[in-house]
PDB file of all heavy atoms in Angstrom:
ATOM      1  N   ILE A   1      90.907  91.005 123.947  1.00  0.00           N
ATOM      2  CA  ILE A   1      90.053  90.382 122.923  1.00  0.00           C
ATOM      3  C   ILE A   1      90.790  89.231 122.240  1.00  0.00           C
ATOM      4  O   ILE A   1      90.210  88.194 121.918  1.00  0.00           O
ATOM      5  CB  ILE A   1      89.618  91.434 121.884  1.00  0.00           C
ATOM      6  CG1 ILE A   1      88.622  92.418 122.519  1.00  0.00           C
ATOM      7  CG2 ILE A   1      88.991  90.772 120.657  1.00  0.00           C
ATOM      8  CD1 ILE A   1      88.304  93.611 121.644  1.00  0.00           C
ATOM      9  N   SER A   2      92.103  89.413 122.048  1.00  0.00           N
ATOM     10  CA  SER A   2      92.885  88.396 121.333  1.00  0.00           C
ATOM     11  C   SER A   2      92.916  87.063 122.064  1.00  0.00           C
ATOM     12  O   SER A   2      93.111  86.010 121.457  1.00  0.00           O
ATOM     13  CB  SER A   2      94.315  88.885 121.101  1.00  0.00           C
ATOM     14  OG  SER A   2      95.080  88.832 122.300  1.00  0.00           O
ATOM     15  N   ASP A   3      92.730  87.077 123.398  1.00  0.00           N
ATOM     16  CA  ASP A   3      92.705  85.834 124.165  1.00  0.00           C
ATOM     17  C   ASP A   3      91.491  84.981 123.804  1.00  0.00           C
ATOM     18  O   ASP A   3      91.470  83.774 124.069  1.00  0.00           O
ATOM     19  CB  ASP A   3      92.713  86.126 125.665  1.00  0.00           C
ATOM     20  CG  ASP A   3      94.092  86.530 126.182  1.00  0.00           C
ATOM     21  OD1 ASP A   3      95.092  86.113 125.574  1.00  0.00           O
ATOM     22  OD2 ASP A   3      94.156  87.264 127.180  1.00  0.00           O
ATOM     23  N   TYR A   4      90.480  85.621 123.227  1.00  0.00           N
ATOM     24  CA  TYR A   4      89.243  84.911 122.873  1.00  0.00           C
ATOM     25  C   TYR A   4      89.155  84.583 121.389  1.00  0.00           C
ATOM     26  O   TYR A   4      88.689  83.511 121.016  1.00  0.00           O
ATOM     27  CB  TYR A   4      88.028  85.745 123.305  1.00  0.00           C
ATOM     28  CG  TYR A   4      87.922  85.913 124.798  1.00  0.00           C
ATOM     29  CD1 TYR A   4      88.448  87.038 125.422  1.00  0.00           C
ATOM     30  CD2 TYR A   4      87.346  84.925 125.598  1.00  0.00           C
ATOM     31  CE1 TYR A   4      88.388  87.186 126.801  1.00  0.00           C
ATOM     32  CE2 TYR A   4      87.272  85.072 126.980  1.00  0.00           C
ATOM     33  CZ  TYR A   4      87.780  86.197 127.575  1.00  0.00           C
ATOM     34  OH  TYR A   4      87.729  86.336 128.941  1.00  0.00           O
ATOM     35  N   ILE A   5      89.617  85.498 120.531  1.00  0.00           N
ATOM     36  CA  ILE A   5      89.472  85.247 119.089  1.00  0.00           C
ATOM     37  C   ILE A   5      90.799  84.891 118.422  1.00  0.00           C
ATOM     38  O   ILE A   5      90.810  84.499 117.257  1.00  0.00           O
ATOM     39  CB  ILE A   5      88.831  86.455 118.370  1.00  0.00           C
ATOM     40  CG1 ILE A   5      89.771  87.664 118.358  1.00  0.00           C
ATOM     41  CG2 ILE A   5      87.497  86.824 119.004  1.00  0.00           C
ATOM     42  CD1 ILE A   5      89.264  88.822 117.518  1.00  0.00           C
ATOM     43  N   GLY A   6      91.899  85.008 119.165  1.00  0.00           N
ATOM     44  CA  GLY A   6      93.208  84.653 118.623  1.00  0.00           C
ATOM     45  C   GLY A   6      93.925  85.850 118.016  1.00  0.00           C
ATOM     46  O   GLY A   6      93.291  86.777 117.497  1.00  0.00           O
ATOM     47  N   ARG A   7      95.255  85.833 118.076  1.00  0.00           N
ATOM     48  CA  ARG A   7      96.057  86.928 117.541  1.00  0.00           C
ATOM     49  C   ARG A   7      95.948  87.087 116.029  1.00  0.00           C
ATOM     50  O   ARG A   7      95.840  88.217 115.522  1.00  0.00           O
ATOM     51  CB  ARG A   7      97.519  86.731 117.944  1.00  0.00           C
ATOM     52  CG  ARG A   7      97.980  87.580 119.112  1.00  0.00           C
ATOM     53  CD  ARG A   7      97.296  87.265 120.420  1.00  0.00           C
ATOM     54  NE  ARG A   7      97.724  85.990 120.969  1.00  0.00           N
ATOM     55  CZ  ARG A   7      97.327  85.500 122.141  1.00  0.00           C
ATOM     56  NH1 ARG A   7      96.447  86.162 122.886  1.00  0.00           N
ATOM     57  NH2 ARG A   7      97.753  84.333 122.588  1.00  0.00           N
ATOM     58  N   PRO A   8      95.918  86.007 115.237  1.00  0.00           N
ATOM     59  CA  PRO A   8      95.773  86.192 113.784  1.00  0.00           C
ATOM     60  C   PRO A   8      94.498  86.935 113.417  1.00  0.00           C
ATOM     61  O   PRO A   8      94.493  87.808 112.544  1.00  0.00           O
ATOM     62  CB  PRO A   8      95.761  84.752 113.255  1.00  0.00           C
ATOM     63  CG  PRO A   8      96.510  83.965 114.283  1.00  0.00           C
ATOM     64  CD  PRO A   8      96.148  84.584 115.596  1.00  0.00           C
ATOM     65  N   ALA A   9      93.385  86.596 114.094  1.00  0.00           N
ATOM     66  CA  ALA A   9      92.101  87.247 113.805  1.00  0.00           C
ATOM     67  C   ALA A   9      92.134  88.720 114.191  1.00  0.00           C
ATOM     68  O   ALA A   9      91.539  89.573 113.506  1.00  0.00           O
ATOM     69  CB  ALA A   9      90.971  86.538 114.544  1.00  0.00           C
ATOM     70  N   VAL A  10      92.838  89.041 115.278  1.00  0.00           N
ATOM     71  CA  VAL A  10      92.925  90.434 115.707  1.00  0.00           C
ATOM     72  C   VAL A  10      93.672  91.278 114.683  1.00  0.00           C
ATOM     73  O   VAL A  10      93.246  92.389 114.342  1.00  0.00           O
ATOM     74  CB  VAL A  10      93.602  90.540 117.103  1.00  0.00           C
ATOM     75  CG1 VAL A  10      94.055  91.965 117.390  1.00  0.00           C
ATOM     76  CG2 VAL A  10      92.642  90.101 118.186  1.00  0.00           C
ATOM     77  N   PHE A  11      94.795  90.765 114.171  1.00  0.00           N
ATOM     78  CA  PHE A  11      95.552  91.530 113.179  1.00  0.00           C
ATOM     79  C   PHE A  11      94.748  91.713 111.891  1.00  0.00           C
ATOM     80  O   PHE A  11      94.782  92.778 111.274  1.00  0.00           O
ATOM     81  CB  PHE A  11      96.896  90.854 112.894  1.00  0.00           C
ATOM     82  CG  PHE A  11      97.988  91.292 113.825  1.00  0.00           C
ATOM     83  CD1 PHE A  11      98.242  90.592 114.996  1.00  0.00           C
ATOM     84  CD2 PHE A  11      98.749  92.411 113.556  1.00  0.00           C
ATOM     85  CE1 PHE A  11      99.239  90.992 115.878  1.00  0.00           C
ATOM     86  CE2 PHE A  11      99.747  92.835 114.420  1.00  0.00           C
ATOM     87  CZ  PHE A  11      99.993  92.115 115.597  1.00  0.00           C
ATOM     88  N   THR A  12      94.013  90.691 111.492  1.00  0.00           N
ATOM     89  CA  THR A  12      93.146  90.846 110.315  1.00  0.00           C
ATOM     90  C   THR A  12      92.099  91.919 110.579  1.00  0.00           C
ATOM     91  O   THR A  12      91.805  92.764 109.715  1.00  0.00           O
ATOM     92  CB  THR A  12      92.441  89.504 109.981  1.00  0.00           C
ATOM     93  OG1 THR A  12      93.436  88.518 109.693  1.00  0.00           O
ATOM     94  CG2 THR A  12      91.531  89.661 108.769  1.00  0.00           C
ATOM     95  N   THR A  13      91.532  91.935 111.783  1.00  0.00           N
ATOM     96  CA  THR A  13      90.547  92.956 112.162  1.00  0.00           C
ATOM     97  C   THR A  13      91.141  94.349 112.113  1.00  0.00           C
ATOM     98  O   THR A  13      90.499  95.302 111.652  1.00  0.00           O
ATOM     99  CB  THR A  13      89.996  92.677 113.573  1.00  0.00           C
ATOM    100  OG1 THR A  13      89.446  91.347 113.622  1.00  0.00           O
ATOM    101  CG2 THR A  13      88.915  93.681 113.955  1.00  0.00           C
ATOM    102  N   PHE A  14      92.389  94.489 112.597  1.00  0.00           N
ATOM    103  CA  PHE A  14      93.068  95.791 112.523  1.00  0.00           C
ATOM    104  C   PHE A  14      93.029  96.345 111.102  1.00  0.00           C
ATOM    105  O   PHE A  14      92.690  97.515 110.876  1.00  0.00           O
ATOM    106  CB  PHE A  14      94.546  95.654 112.924  1.00  0.00           C
ATOM    107  CG  PHE A  14      94.792  95.447 114.392  1.00  0.00           C
ATOM    108  CD1 PHE A  14      95.999  94.935 114.828  1.00  0.00           C
ATOM    109  CD2 PHE A  14      93.834  95.761 115.333  1.00  0.00           C
ATOM    110  CE1 PHE A  14      96.249  94.740 116.169  1.00  0.00           C
ATOM    111  CE2 PHE A  14      94.062  95.569 116.687  1.00  0.00           C
ATOM    112  CZ  PHE A  14      95.282  95.046 117.103  1.00  0.00           C
ATOM    113  N   PHE A  15      93.393  95.498 110.152  1.00  0.00           N
ATOM    114  CA  PHE A  15      93.548  95.988 108.784  1.00  0.00           C
ATOM    115  C   PHE A  15      92.213  96.184 108.073  1.00  0.00           C
ATOM    116  O   PHE A  15      92.102  97.053 107.206  1.00  0.00           O
ATOM    117  CB  PHE A  15      94.492  95.059 108.016  1.00  0.00           C
ATOM    118  CG  PHE A  15      95.846  94.957 108.657  1.00  0.00           C
ATOM    119  CD1 PHE A  15      96.412  93.725 108.975  1.00  0.00           C
ATOM    120  CD2 PHE A  15      96.568  96.109 108.990  1.00  0.00           C
ATOM    121  CE1 PHE A  15      97.650  93.632 109.591  1.00  0.00           C
ATOM    122  CE2 PHE A  15      97.812  96.032 109.605  1.00  0.00           C
ATOM    123  CZ  PHE A  15      98.350  94.797 109.922  1.00  0.00           C
ATOM    124  N   VAL A  16      91.207  95.424 108.447  1.00  0.00           N
ATOM    125  CA  VAL A  16      89.865  95.656 107.900  1.00  0.00           C
ATOM    126  C   VAL A  16      89.354  97.022 108.365  1.00  0.00           C
ATOM    127  O   VAL A  16      88.862  97.829 107.567  1.00  0.00           O
ATOM    128  CB  VAL A  16      88.888  94.548 108.339  1.00  0.00           C
ATOM    129  CG1 VAL A  16      87.452  94.934 108.003  1.00  0.00           C
ATOM    130  CG2 VAL A  16      89.239  93.228 107.662  1.00  0.00           C
ATOM    131  N   LEU A  17      89.481  97.289 109.668  1.00  0.00           N
ATOM    132  CA  LEU A  17      89.018  98.567 110.213  1.00  0.00           C
ATOM    133  C   LEU A  17      89.791  99.745 109.630  1.00  0.00           C
ATOM    134  O   LEU A  17      89.201 100.779 109.264  1.00  0.00           O
ATOM    135  CB  LEU A  17      89.167  98.562 111.738  1.00  0.00           C
ATOM    136  CG  LEU A  17      88.242  97.635 112.519  1.00  0.00           C
ATOM    137  CD1 LEU A  17      88.603  97.630 114.001  1.00  0.00           C
ATOM    138  CD2 LEU A  17      86.786  98.057 112.340  1.00  0.00           C
ATOM    139  N   GLN A  18      91.113  99.603 109.526  1.00  0.00           N
ATOM    140  CA  GLN A  18      91.913 100.702 108.990  1.00  0.00           C
ATOM    141  C   GLN A  18      91.679 100.902 107.498  1.00  0.00           C
ATOM    142  O   GLN A  18      91.722 102.037 107.009  1.00  0.00           O
ATOM    143  CB  GLN A  18      93.392 100.440 109.268  1.00  0.00           C
ATOM    144  CG  GLN A  18      93.750 100.543 110.739  1.00  0.00           C
ATOM    145  CD  GLN A  18      95.231 100.360 110.995  1.00  0.00           C
ATOM    146  OE1 GLN A  18      96.023 101.306 110.876  1.00  0.00           O
ATOM    147  NE2 GLN A  18      95.630  99.161 111.349  1.00  0.00           N
ATOM    148  N   LEU A  19      91.416  99.815 106.784  1.00  0.00           N
ATOM    149  CA  LEU A  19      91.122  99.933 105.356  1.00  0.00           C
ATOM    150  C   LEU A  19      89.852 100.746 105.154  1.00  0.00           C
ATOM    151  O   LEU A  19      89.808 101.653 104.299  1.00  0.00           O
ATOM    152  CB  LEU A  19      90.960  98.532 104.758  1.00  0.00           C
ATOM    153  CG  LEU A  19      91.071  98.391 103.233  1.00  0.00           C
ATOM    154  CD1 LEU A  19      92.376  98.984 102.718  1.00  0.00           C
ATOM    155  CD2 LEU A  19      90.946  96.930 102.820  1.00  0.00           C
ATOM    156  N   ILE A  20      88.831 100.456 105.954  1.00  0.00           N
ATOM    157  CA  ILE A  20      87.579 101.220 105.886  1.00  0.00           C
ATOM    158  C   ILE A  20      87.842 102.688 106.222  1.00  0.00           C
ATOM    159  O   ILE A  20      87.368 103.605 105.535  1.00  0.00           O
ATOM    160  CB  ILE A  20      86.531 100.635 106.853  1.00  0.00           C
ATOM    161  CG1 ILE A  20      86.114  99.238 106.398  1.00  0.00           C
ATOM    162  CG2 ILE A  20      85.304 101.547 106.952  1.00  0.00           C
ATOM    163  CD1 ILE A  20      85.277  98.483 107.414  1.00  0.00           C
ATOM    164  N   ALA A  21      88.640 102.917 107.270  1.00  0.00           N
ATOM    165  CA  ALA A  21      88.923 104.284 107.708  1.00  0.00           C
ATOM    166  C   ALA A  21      89.672 105.082 106.644  1.00  0.00           C
ATOM    167  O   ALA A  21      89.295 106.217 106.313  1.00  0.00           O
ATOM    168  CB  ALA A  21      89.735 104.246 109.003  1.00  0.00           C
ATOM    169  N   PHE A  22      90.734 104.506 106.074  1.00  0.00           N
ATOM    170  CA  PHE A  22      91.540 105.248 105.097  1.00  0.00           C
ATOM    171  C   PHE A  22      90.784 105.468 103.774  1.00  0.00           C
ATOM    172  O   PHE A  22      91.022 106.461 103.088  1.00  0.00           O
ATOM    173  CB  PHE A  22      92.854 104.521 104.844  1.00  0.00           C
ATOM    174  CG  PHE A  22      93.893 104.789 105.891  1.00  0.00           C
ATOM    175  CD1 PHE A  22      94.267 103.800 106.798  1.00  0.00           C
ATOM    176  CD2 PHE A  22      94.502 106.030 106.001  1.00  0.00           C
ATOM    177  CE1 PHE A  22      95.212 104.046 107.782  1.00  0.00           C
ATOM    178  CE2 PHE A  22      95.450 106.290 106.976  1.00  0.00           C
ATOM    179  CZ  PHE A  22      95.806 105.290 107.873  1.00  0.00           C
ATOM    180  N   ILE A  23      89.888 104.565 103.425  1.00  0.00           N
ATOM    181  CA  ILE A  23      89.088 104.755 102.208  1.00  0.00           C
ATOM    182  C   ILE A  23      88.073 105.875 102.392  1.00  0.00           C
ATOM    183  O   ILE A  23      87.871 106.713 101.494  1.00  0.00           O
ATOM    184  CB  ILE A  23      88.375 103.444 101.815  1.00  0.00           C
ATOM    185  CG1 ILE A  23      89.386 102.409 101.308  1.00  0.00           C
ATOM    186  CG2 ILE A  23      87.309 103.706 100.748  1.00  0.00           C
ATOM    187  CD1 ILE A  23      88.792 101.031 101.077  1.00  0.00           C
ATOM    188  N   LEU A  24      87.455 105.953 103.589  1.00  0.00           N
ATOM    189  CA  LEU A  24      86.368 106.902 103.810  1.00  0.00           C
ATOM    190  C   LEU A  24      86.831 108.280 104.289  1.00  0.00           C
ATOM    191  O   LEU A  24      86.163 109.281 104.014  1.00  0.00           O
ATOM    192  CB  LEU A  24      85.373 106.326 104.824  1.00  0.00           C
ATOM    193  CG  LEU A  24      84.625 105.051 104.399  1.00  0.00           C
ATOM    194  CD1 LEU A  24      83.673 104.611 105.512  1.00  0.00           C
ATOM    195  CD2 LEU A  24      83.839 105.292 103.109  1.00  0.00           C
ATOM    196  N   LEU A  25      87.933 108.349 104.980  1.00  0.00           N
ATOM    197  CA  LEU A  25      88.365 109.613 105.588  1.00  0.00           C
ATOM    198  C   LEU A  25      88.470 110.798 104.626  1.00  0.00           C
ATOM    199  O   LEU A  25      88.095 111.917 104.992  1.00  0.00           O
ATOM    200  CB  LEU A  25      89.700 109.419 106.325  1.00  0.00           C
ATOM    201  CG  LEU A  25      89.586 108.938 107.773  1.00  0.00           C
ATOM    202  CD1 LEU A  25      90.945 108.537 108.321  1.00  0.00           C
ATOM    203  CD2 LEU A  25      88.966 110.013 108.658  1.00  0.00           C
ATOM    204  N   PRO A  26      88.976 110.629 103.388  1.00  0.00           N
ATOM    205  CA  PRO A  26      89.089 111.798 102.498  1.00  0.00           C
ATOM    206  C   PRO A  26      87.759 112.463 102.173  1.00  0.00           C
ATOM    207  O   PRO A  26      87.724 113.637 101.783  1.00  0.00           O
ATOM    208  CB  PRO A  26      89.715 111.197 101.222  1.00  0.00           C
ATOM    209  CG  PRO A  26      90.400 109.962 101.681  1.00  0.00           C
ATOM    210  CD  PRO A  26      89.559 109.423 102.780  1.00  0.00           C
ATOM    211  N   ASN A  27      86.656 111.710 102.310  1.00  0.00           N
ATOM    212  CA  ASN A  27      85.348 112.251 101.931  1.00  0.00           C
ATOM    213  C   ASN A  27      84.455 112.578 103.115  1.00  0.00           C
ATOM    214  O   ASN A  27      83.290 112.928 102.931  1.00  0.00           O
ATOM    215  CB  ASN A  27      84.630 111.232 101.027  1.00  0.00           C
ATOM    216  CG  ASN A  27      85.430 110.893  99.791  1.00  0.00           C
ATOM    217  OD1 ASN A  27      85.870 111.782  99.065  1.00  0.00           O
ATOM    218  ND2 ASN A  27      85.658 109.604  99.545  1.00  0.00           N
TER     219      ASN A  27
END
């Protein structure tokens, strides 16, 4: 995927997804 959207965008996506996961997981 990074070959199409770029490595900076992929790392930002990682943290957006994980932020959602860690916020919601306790509930």
